[in-house]
Amino acid sequence: MEALDKLDTAILRILQQDGRATYDLIAEQIGLSASAVLRRTKRMEELGIIDKYVALLKPSSIGLGLVAYMSVRLEKHTESHKRNPMDMFRAAVQTWPEVVECAALTGEMDYLLKVMVSDMQAYSRFVMDTLLKHPSVQDCKTSFQLDSVKSTTALPL
């Protein structure tokens, strides 16, 4: 990994707070020229340090009022399977728009899903018609989000 200096870190902090910040604005805040900020930013993009730029939406403003965290256990791999159940599950998750995050876990359960839907009826449809019908899924447990105490996309620098 390429070492980041204090100026790179400062640029990243600003961009994590406002991905639309201009090079002029960033330059003014950290004491560089706009062209130097541009060069550093382009280098960090090319190195993959800056992965992408996105618009973050407020879920409730687009009708996504229910957030569920689902622990999922898969069936264990047997010789009769042509494909590994984990591979099948990972591929399927990519096609489920309700799943906004999926992490492989250690411990009793195999995956943790963050699911965002409009309401309990939409959640029930997702579970009954999609998740539990997947051939690799053995069990799932759900916890519903009551409140968002902290939510950030900014990584600690």
N, C-alpha and C. Protein backbone atom coordinates (compact mmCIF):
# COMPACT_ATOMS: atom_id res chain seq x y z
N MET A 1 0.84 -1.19 0.00
CA MET A 1 0.00 0.00 0.00
C MET A 1 0.88 1.24 0.00
N GLU A 2 0.49 2.18 -0.79
CA GLU A 2 1.17 3.46 -0.90
C GLU A 2 0.98 4.24 0.40
N ALA A 3 2.06 4.82 0.89
CA ALA A 3 1.98 5.63 2.12
C ALA A 3 1.29 6.95 1.82
N LEU A 4 0.41 7.34 2.72
CA LEU A 4 -0.28 8.62 2.60
C LEU A 4 0.37 9.61 3.54
N ASP A 5 0.64 10.81 3.04
CA ASP A 5 1.17 11.83 3.93
C ASP A 5 0.02 12.66 4.51
N LYS A 6 0.37 13.66 5.31
CA LYS A 6 -0.65 14.46 5.99
C LYS A 6 -1.56 15.20 5.00
N LEU A 7 -1.01 15.62 3.89
CA LEU A 7 -1.83 16.34 2.90
C LEU A 7 -2.81 15.40 2.20
N ASP A 8 -2.35 14.19 1.86
CA ASP A 8 -3.26 13.19 1.28
C ASP A 8 -4.40 12.89 2.24
N THR A 9 -4.05 12.69 3.50
CA THR A 9 -5.05 12.39 4.52
C THR A 9 -6.04 13.54 4.66
N ALA A 10 -5.54 14.77 4.62
CA ALA A 10 -6.42 15.94 4.72
C ALA A 10 -7.38 15.99 3.52
N ILE A 11 -6.87 15.71 2.34
CA ILE A 11 -7.72 15.68 1.15
C ILE A 11 -8.81 14.62 1.31
N LEU A 12 -8.42 13.44 1.76
CA LEU A 12 -9.39 12.35 1.93
C LEU A 12 -10.45 12.70 2.98
N ARG A 13 -10.05 13.33 4.06
CA ARG A 13 -11.03 13.73 5.08
C ARG A 13 -12.07 14.67 4.50
N ILE A 14 -11.62 15.64 3.73
CA ILE A 14 -12.54 16.60 3.13
C ILE A 14 -13.46 15.90 2.13
N LEU A 15 -12.89 15.05 1.28
CA LEU A 15 -13.71 14.35 0.29
C LEU A 15 -14.71 13.39 0.92
N GLN A 16 -14.36 12.80 2.07
CA GLN A 16 -15.31 11.92 2.75
C GLN A 16 -16.49 12.71 3.32
N GLN A 17 -16.28 13.96 3.65
CA GLN A 17 -17.36 14.80 4.15
C GLN A 17 -18.17 15.42 3.01
N ASP A 18 -17.48 15.73 1.89
CA ASP A 18 -18.14 16.35 0.75
C ASP A 18 -17.43 15.91 -0.53
N GLY A 19 -17.97 14.88 -1.16
CA GLY A 19 -17.37 14.35 -2.37
C GLY A 19 -17.43 15.29 -3.55
N ARG A 20 -18.19 16.37 -3.42
CA ARG A 20 -18.30 17.36 -4.49
C ARG A 20 -17.44 18.59 -4.23
N ALA A 21 -16.63 18.56 -3.18
CA ALA A 21 -15.75 19.70 -2.88
C ALA A 21 -14.84 19.95 -4.08
N THR A 22 -14.69 21.19 -4.45
CA THR A 22 -13.85 21.53 -5.60
C THR A 22 -12.38 21.48 -5.19
N TYR A 23 -11.53 21.33 -6.17
CA TYR A 23 -10.09 21.33 -5.90
C TYR A 23 -9.67 22.68 -5.31
N ASP A 24 -10.29 23.75 -5.77
CA ASP A 24 -10.00 25.09 -5.22
C ASP A 24 -10.34 25.16 -3.74
N LEU A 25 -11.51 24.64 -3.36
CA LEU A 25 -11.93 24.68 -1.96
C LEU A 25 -11.01 23.83 -1.09
N ILE A 26 -10.68 22.64 -1.56
CA ILE A 26 -9.78 21.76 -0.81
C ILE A 26 -8.42 22.43 -0.66
N ALA A 27 -7.93 22.99 -1.76
CA ALA A 27 -6.62 23.65 -1.74
C ALA A 27 -6.58 24.77 -0.72
N GLU A 28 -7.63 25.55 -0.67
CA GLU A 28 -7.71 26.66 0.28
C GLU A 28 -7.67 26.15 1.72
N GLN A 29 -8.35 25.04 1.98
CA GLN A 29 -8.44 24.51 3.34
C GLN A 29 -7.13 23.88 3.83
N ILE A 30 -6.34 23.32 2.90
CA ILE A 30 -5.12 22.62 3.35
C ILE A 30 -3.83 23.32 2.96
N GLY A 31 -3.93 24.46 2.27
CA GLY A 31 -2.74 25.23 1.96
C GLY A 31 -1.92 24.72 0.79
N LEU A 32 -2.58 24.16 -0.21
CA LEU A 32 -1.92 23.73 -1.45
C LEU A 32 -2.54 24.47 -2.62
N SER A 33 -1.93 24.31 -3.78
CA SER A 33 -2.56 24.83 -5.00
C SER A 33 -3.61 23.84 -5.47
N ALA A 34 -4.57 24.33 -6.24
CA ALA A 34 -5.62 23.46 -6.78
C ALA A 34 -5.02 22.38 -7.68
N SER A 35 -3.98 22.73 -8.44
CA SER A 35 -3.36 21.73 -9.33
C SER A 35 -2.66 20.64 -8.52
N ALA A 36 -2.08 20.98 -7.38
CA ALA A 36 -1.45 19.96 -6.53
C ALA A 36 -2.51 19.04 -5.93
N VAL A 37 -3.64 19.61 -5.53
CA VAL A 37 -4.74 18.79 -5.00
C VAL A 37 -5.25 17.85 -6.09
N LEU A 38 -5.40 18.37 -7.30
CA LEU A 38 -5.84 17.55 -8.43
C LEU A 38 -4.87 16.39 -8.66
N ARG A 39 -3.57 16.65 -8.70
CA ARG A 39 -2.58 15.60 -8.93
C ARG A 39 -2.65 14.53 -7.83
N ARG A 40 -2.73 14.97 -6.59
CA ARG A 40 -2.78 14.02 -5.47
C ARG A 40 -4.07 13.19 -5.52
N THR A 41 -5.17 13.85 -5.83
CA THR A 41 -6.46 13.15 -5.89
C THR A 41 -6.45 12.12 -7.02
N LYS A 42 -5.97 12.50 -8.19
CA LYS A 42 -5.89 11.57 -9.32
C LYS A 42 -5.00 10.37 -9.00
N ARG A 43 -3.87 10.62 -8.30
CA ARG A 43 -2.97 9.54 -7.92
C ARG A 43 -3.69 8.57 -6.98
N MET A 44 -4.44 9.12 -6.02
CA MET A 44 -5.16 8.25 -5.07
C MET A 44 -6.29 7.49 -5.76
N GLU A 45 -6.89 8.08 -6.80
CA GLU A 45 -7.90 7.36 -7.59
C GLU A 45 -7.24 6.20 -8.35
N GLU A 46 -6.11 6.48 -8.99
CA GLU A 46 -5.41 5.46 -9.77
C GLU A 46 -4.91 4.31 -8.89
N LEU A 47 -4.52 4.62 -7.66
CA LEU A 47 -4.05 3.59 -6.73
C LEU A 47 -5.20 2.80 -6.11
N GLY A 48 -6.43 3.25 -6.32
CA GLY A 48 -7.58 2.57 -5.75
C GLY A 48 -7.87 2.96 -4.31
N ILE A 49 -7.17 3.97 -3.80
CA ILE A 49 -7.45 4.47 -2.45
C ILE A 49 -8.82 5.13 -2.45
N ILE A 50 -9.07 5.96 -3.45
CA ILE A 50 -10.41 6.51 -3.67
C ILE A 50 -11.10 5.55 -4.62
N ASP A 51 -12.11 4.86 -4.11
CA ASP A 51 -12.78 3.81 -4.87
C ASP A 51 -13.80 4.37 -5.85
N LYS A 52 -14.67 5.28 -5.37
CA LYS A 52 -15.70 5.86 -6.23
C LYS A 52 -16.35 7.05 -5.53
N TYR A 53 -17.12 7.80 -6.27
CA TYR A 53 -17.87 8.92 -5.75
C TYR A 53 -19.35 8.59 -5.90
N VAL A 54 -20.13 8.82 -4.85
CA VAL A 54 -21.55 8.47 -4.89
C VAL A 54 -22.40 9.56 -4.24
N ALA A 55 -23.71 9.52 -4.52
CA ALA A 55 -24.68 10.33 -3.80
C ALA A 55 -25.30 9.45 -2.73
N LEU A 56 -25.27 9.88 -1.48
CA LEU A 56 -25.85 9.11 -0.39
C LEU A 56 -27.29 9.59 -0.18
N LEU A 57 -28.22 8.66 -0.23
CA LEU A 57 -29.64 8.99 -0.12
C LEU A 57 -30.13 8.78 1.30
N LYS A 58 -31.12 9.57 1.69
CA LYS A 58 -31.76 9.39 2.99
C LYS A 58 -32.85 8.33 2.79
N PRO A 59 -32.68 7.12 3.37
CA PRO A 59 -33.60 6.01 3.10
C PRO A 59 -35.08 6.36 3.32
N SER A 60 -35.40 7.04 4.41
CA SER A 60 -36.81 7.34 4.69
C SER A 60 -37.42 8.26 3.64
N SER A 61 -36.60 9.08 2.99
CA SER A 61 -37.13 10.01 1.98
C SER A 61 -37.52 9.30 0.69
N ILE A 62 -37.06 8.06 0.51
CA ILE A 62 -37.42 7.30 -0.68
C ILE A 62 -38.24 6.06 -0.33
N GLY A 63 -38.84 6.10 0.87
CA GLY A 63 -39.78 5.05 1.25
C GLY A 63 -39.17 3.81 1.87
N LEU A 64 -37.91 3.85 2.26
CA LEU A 64 -37.29 2.68 2.90
C LEU A 64 -37.25 2.92 4.40
N GLY A 65 -38.35 2.55 5.07
CA GLY A 65 -38.49 2.84 6.49
C GLY A 65 -38.14 1.71 7.43
N LEU A 66 -37.83 0.53 6.91
CA LEU A 66 -37.55 -0.62 7.77
C LEU A 66 -36.16 -1.16 7.45
N VAL A 67 -35.32 -1.23 8.49
CA VAL A 67 -33.97 -1.77 8.34
C VAL A 67 -33.87 -3.02 9.21
N ALA A 68 -33.43 -4.11 8.59
CA ALA A 68 -33.27 -5.37 9.30
C ALA A 68 -31.85 -5.87 9.14
N TYR A 69 -31.32 -6.43 10.21
CA TYR A 69 -30.02 -7.10 10.17
C TYR A 69 -30.31 -8.59 10.30
N MET A 70 -29.91 -9.34 9.30
CA MET A 70 -30.24 -10.75 9.24
C MET A 70 -28.99 -11.60 9.28
N SER A 71 -28.91 -12.48 10.27
CA SER A 71 -27.84 -13.47 10.33
C SER A 71 -28.32 -14.70 9.57
N VAL A 72 -27.50 -15.17 8.65
CA VAL A 72 -27.90 -16.28 7.77
C VAL A 72 -26.90 -17.42 7.91
N ARG A 73 -27.43 -18.62 8.08
CA ARG A 73 -26.61 -19.83 8.11
C ARG A 73 -26.90 -20.62 6.84
N LEU A 74 -25.85 -21.07 6.19
CA LEU A 74 -26.00 -21.85 4.97
C LEU A 74 -25.84 -23.33 5.27
N GLU A 75 -26.38 -24.16 4.38
CA GLU A 75 -26.14 -25.60 4.48
C GLU A 75 -24.67 -25.85 4.23
N LYS A 76 -24.17 -26.91 4.77
CA LYS A 76 -22.75 -27.22 4.60
C LYS A 76 -22.52 -27.90 3.26
N HIS A 77 -21.34 -27.72 2.75
CA HIS A 77 -20.94 -28.26 1.44
C HIS A 77 -20.90 -29.79 1.47
N THR A 78 -21.54 -30.39 0.47
CA THR A 78 -21.46 -31.85 0.34
C THR A 78 -20.94 -32.19 -1.06
N GLU A 79 -20.51 -33.40 -1.22
CA GLU A 79 -19.95 -33.83 -2.50
C GLU A 79 -20.99 -33.84 -3.62
N SER A 80 -22.28 -33.92 -3.26
CA SER A 80 -23.31 -33.99 -4.29
C SER A 80 -23.55 -32.63 -4.97
N HIS A 81 -23.06 -31.57 -4.38
CA HIS A 81 -23.24 -30.24 -4.99
C HIS A 81 -22.21 -30.01 -6.08
N LYS A 82 -22.69 -29.48 -7.19
CA LYS A 82 -21.77 -29.12 -8.25
C LYS A 82 -21.12 -27.77 -7.93
N ARG A 83 -21.87 -26.92 -7.23
CA ARG A 83 -21.35 -25.62 -6.82
C ARG A 83 -21.37 -25.53 -5.30
N ASN A 84 -20.42 -24.86 -4.75
CA ASN A 84 -20.34 -24.62 -3.33
C ASN A 84 -21.54 -23.76 -2.90
N PRO A 85 -22.26 -24.11 -1.82
CA PRO A 85 -23.40 -23.31 -1.37
C PRO A 85 -23.04 -21.85 -1.11
N MET A 86 -21.83 -21.60 -0.62
CA MET A 86 -21.41 -20.22 -0.37
C MET A 86 -21.28 -19.45 -1.68
N ASP A 87 -20.76 -20.08 -2.70
CA ASP A 87 -20.65 -19.41 -4.01
C ASP A 87 -22.03 -19.10 -4.56
N MET A 88 -22.95 -20.04 -4.43
CA MET A 88 -24.32 -19.83 -4.92
C MET A 88 -24.98 -18.68 -4.16
N PHE A 89 -24.80 -18.65 -2.85
CA PHE A 89 -25.39 -17.60 -2.03
C PHE A 89 -24.79 -16.24 -2.37
N ARG A 90 -23.48 -16.18 -2.46
CA ARG A 90 -22.81 -14.91 -2.79
C ARG A 90 -23.29 -14.36 -4.13
N ALA A 91 -23.47 -15.22 -5.10
CA ALA A 91 -23.95 -14.78 -6.41
C ALA A 91 -25.39 -14.28 -6.32
N ALA A 92 -26.23 -14.98 -5.56
CA ALA A 92 -27.63 -14.58 -5.42
C ALA A 92 -27.77 -13.23 -4.72
N VAL A 93 -26.99 -13.03 -3.66
CA VAL A 93 -27.07 -11.78 -2.90
C VAL A 93 -26.84 -10.57 -3.80
N GLN A 94 -25.97 -10.72 -4.78
CA GLN A 94 -25.68 -9.61 -5.69
C GLN A 94 -26.92 -9.16 -6.47
N THR A 95 -27.89 -10.04 -6.61
CA THR A 95 -29.08 -9.73 -7.40
C THR A 95 -30.26 -9.25 -6.55
N TRP A 96 -30.12 -9.24 -5.22
CA TRP A 96 -31.22 -8.87 -4.33
C TRP A 96 -31.09 -7.40 -3.94
N PRO A 97 -31.90 -6.52 -4.52
CA PRO A 97 -31.76 -5.08 -4.24
C PRO A 97 -32.03 -4.72 -2.78
N GLU A 98 -32.80 -5.51 -2.08
CA GLU A 98 -33.11 -5.22 -0.67
C GLU A 98 -31.87 -5.32 0.22
N VAL A 99 -30.90 -6.12 -0.20
CA VAL A 99 -29.67 -6.31 0.57
C VAL A 99 -28.69 -5.20 0.19
N VAL A 100 -28.42 -4.31 1.15
CA VAL A 100 -27.50 -3.20 0.87
C VAL A 100 -26.09 -3.48 1.38
N GLU A 101 -25.95 -4.47 2.27
CA GLU A 101 -24.64 -4.91 2.74
C GLU A 101 -24.70 -6.40 3.04
N CYS A 102 -23.60 -7.07 2.77
CA CYS A 102 -23.49 -8.50 3.09
C CYS A 102 -22.06 -8.76 3.52
N ALA A 103 -21.90 -9.32 4.71
CA ALA A 103 -20.57 -9.62 5.23
C ALA A 103 -20.49 -11.09 5.62
N ALA A 104 -19.41 -11.75 5.23
CA ALA A 104 -19.14 -13.12 5.68
C ALA A 104 -18.61 -13.03 7.10
N LEU A 105 -19.07 -13.94 7.96
CA LEU A 105 -18.74 -13.89 9.39
C LEU A 105 -18.06 -15.15 9.88
N THR A 106 -17.39 -15.01 11.00
CA THR A 106 -16.94 -16.18 11.74
C THR A 106 -18.05 -16.49 12.74
N GLY A 107 -18.00 -17.66 13.33
CA GLY A 107 -18.97 -17.98 14.37
C GLY A 107 -20.10 -18.85 13.88
N GLU A 108 -21.20 -18.81 14.60
CA GLU A 108 -22.34 -19.70 14.37
C GLU A 108 -23.02 -19.45 13.02
N MET A 109 -23.17 -18.20 12.64
CA MET A 109 -23.83 -17.86 11.38
C MET A 109 -22.78 -17.54 10.32
N ASP A 110 -23.15 -17.68 9.06
CA ASP A 110 -22.19 -17.51 7.96
C ASP A 110 -22.14 -16.09 7.41
N TYR A 111 -23.30 -15.41 7.37
CA TYR A 111 -23.38 -14.09 6.76
C TYR A 111 -24.25 -13.17 7.60
N LEU A 112 -23.96 -11.87 7.51
CA LEU A 112 -24.82 -10.85 8.09
C LEU A 112 -25.27 -9.95 6.95
N LEU A 113 -26.59 -9.83 6.79
CA LEU A 113 -27.17 -8.99 5.75
C LEU A 113 -27.79 -7.75 6.38
N LYS A 114 -27.59 -6.62 5.73
CA LYS A 114 -28.34 -5.42 6.09
C LYS A 114 -29.37 -5.26 4.99
N VAL A 115 -30.63 -5.33 5.39
CA VAL A 115 -31.75 -5.31 4.44
C VAL A 115 -32.55 -4.05 4.66
N MET A 116 -32.87 -3.34 3.58
CA MET A 116 -33.69 -2.13 3.67
C MET A 116 -34.91 -2.30 2.79
N VAL A 117 -36.09 -2.15 3.41
CA VAL A 117 -37.36 -2.30 2.70
C VAL A 117 -38.33 -1.22 3.19
N SER A 118 -39.47 -1.14 2.54
CA SER A 118 -40.44 -0.11 2.89
C SER A 118 -41.16 -0.38 4.21
N ASP A 119 -41.52 -1.65 4.43
CA ASP A 119 -42.32 -1.96 5.62
C ASP A 119 -42.25 -3.46 5.92
N MET A 120 -42.99 -3.89 6.94
CA MET A 120 -42.96 -5.29 7.36
C MET A 120 -43.48 -6.22 6.26
N GLN A 121 -44.44 -5.77 5.50
CA GLN A 121 -44.97 -6.60 4.41
C GLN A 121 -43.89 -6.85 3.36
N ALA A 122 -43.13 -5.83 3.02
CA ALA A 122 -42.04 -5.99 2.05
C ALA A 122 -40.94 -6.89 2.63
N TYR A 123 -40.68 -6.74 3.92
CA TYR A 123 -39.70 -7.61 4.58
C TYR A 123 -40.15 -9.07 4.50
N SER A 124 -41.41 -9.32 4.84
CA SER A 124 -41.96 -10.67 4.81
C SER A 124 -41.86 -11.27 3.41
N ARG A 125 -42.18 -10.48 2.39
CA ARG A 125 -42.07 -10.95 1.01
C ARG A 125 -40.64 -11.33 0.67
N PHE A 126 -39.69 -10.49 1.09
CA PHE A 126 -38.28 -10.78 0.81
C PHE A 126 -37.86 -12.09 1.47
N VAL A 127 -38.21 -12.25 2.74
CA VAL A 127 -37.80 -13.45 3.47
C VAL A 127 -38.46 -14.69 2.87
N MET A 128 -39.77 -14.66 2.70
CA MET A 128 -40.51 -15.85 2.27
C MET A 128 -40.29 -16.19 0.79
N ASP A 129 -40.25 -15.16 -0.06
CA ASP A 129 -40.19 -15.40 -1.50
C ASP A 129 -38.77 -15.44 -2.07
N THR A 130 -37.82 -14.91 -1.33
CA THR A 130 -36.46 -14.83 -1.87
C THR A 130 -35.46 -15.57 -0.99
N LEU A 131 -35.25 -15.07 0.21
CA LEU A 131 -34.18 -15.61 1.06
C LEU A 131 -34.40 -17.09 1.40
N LEU A 132 -35.54 -17.42 1.96
CA LEU A 132 -35.77 -18.80 2.40
C LEU A 132 -35.98 -19.77 1.25
N LYS A 133 -36.24 -19.27 0.06
CA LYS A 133 -36.37 -20.15 -1.10
C LYS A 133 -35.01 -20.46 -1.74
N HIS A 134 -33.97 -19.75 -1.29
CA HIS A 134 -32.66 -20.03 -1.84
C HIS A 134 -32.18 -21.40 -1.33
N PRO A 135 -31.71 -22.27 -2.21
CA PRO A 135 -31.36 -23.63 -1.81
C PRO A 135 -30.21 -23.74 -0.81
N SER A 136 -29.37 -22.72 -0.70
CA SER A 136 -28.24 -22.78 0.22
C SER A 136 -28.59 -22.35 1.64
N VAL A 137 -29.71 -21.64 1.81
CA VAL A 137 -30.04 -21.07 3.11
C VAL A 137 -30.66 -22.14 4.02
N GLN A 138 -30.06 -22.31 5.18
CA GLN A 138 -30.56 -23.27 6.16
C GLN A 138 -31.38 -22.57 7.24
N ASP A 139 -30.93 -21.38 7.69
CA ASP A 139 -31.58 -20.70 8.81
C ASP A 139 -31.26 -19.22 8.74
N CYS A 140 -32.16 -18.42 9.32
CA CYS A 140 -31.87 -16.99 9.45
C CYS A 140 -32.51 -16.45 10.72
N LYS A 141 -31.87 -15.42 11.27
CA LYS A 141 -32.37 -14.74 12.45
C LYS A 141 -32.31 -13.25 12.17
N THR A 142 -33.34 -12.53 12.60
CA THR A 142 -33.43 -11.12 12.26
C THR A 142 -33.52 -10.25 13.50
N SER A 143 -32.86 -9.11 13.42
CA SER A 143 -33.02 -8.03 14.39
C SER A 143 -33.39 -6.79 13.60
N PHE A 144 -34.37 -6.03 14.11
CA PHE A 144 -34.80 -4.82 13.42
C PHE A 144 -34.17 -3.60 14.07
N GLN A 145 -33.79 -2.66 13.25
CA GLN A 145 -33.20 -1.42 13.74
C GLN A 145 -34.29 -0.54 14.33
N LEU A 146 -34.10 -0.15 15.60
CA LEU A 146 -35.05 0.75 16.26
C LEU A 146 -34.69 2.21 16.02
N ASP A 147 -33.39 2.49 16.00
CA ASP A 147 -32.92 3.86 15.87
C ASP A 147 -31.50 3.82 15.30
N SER A 148 -31.12 4.85 14.61
CA SER A 148 -29.76 4.95 14.10
C SER A 148 -28.96 5.85 15.04
N VAL A 149 -28.06 5.28 15.80
CA VAL A 149 -27.27 6.02 16.76
C VAL A 149 -26.06 6.67 16.07
N LYS A 150 -25.45 5.96 15.15
CA LYS A 150 -24.34 6.50 14.35
C LYS A 150 -24.36 5.85 12.99
N SER A 151 -24.23 6.66 11.98
CA SER A 151 -24.16 6.16 10.62
C SER A 151 -23.22 7.05 9.84
N THR A 152 -22.14 6.48 9.36
CA THR A 152 -21.18 7.26 8.58
C THR A 152 -20.58 6.39 7.50
N THR A 153 -20.19 7.02 6.44
CA THR A 153 -19.43 6.32 5.40
C THR A 153 -17.96 6.70 5.49
N ALA A 154 -17.63 7.65 6.36
CA ALA A 154 -16.26 8.12 6.49
C ALA A 154 -15.41 7.11 7.26
N LEU A 155 -14.28 6.74 6.69
CA LEU A 155 -13.37 5.82 7.35
C LEU A 155 -12.43 6.60 8.28
N PRO A 156 -12.02 5.99 9.38
CA PRO A 156 -11.12 6.71 10.29
C PRO A 156 -9.72 6.85 9.66
N LEU A 157 -9.27 8.07 9.57
CA LEU A 157 -7.95 8.35 9.00
C LEU A 157 -7.00 8.87 10.07
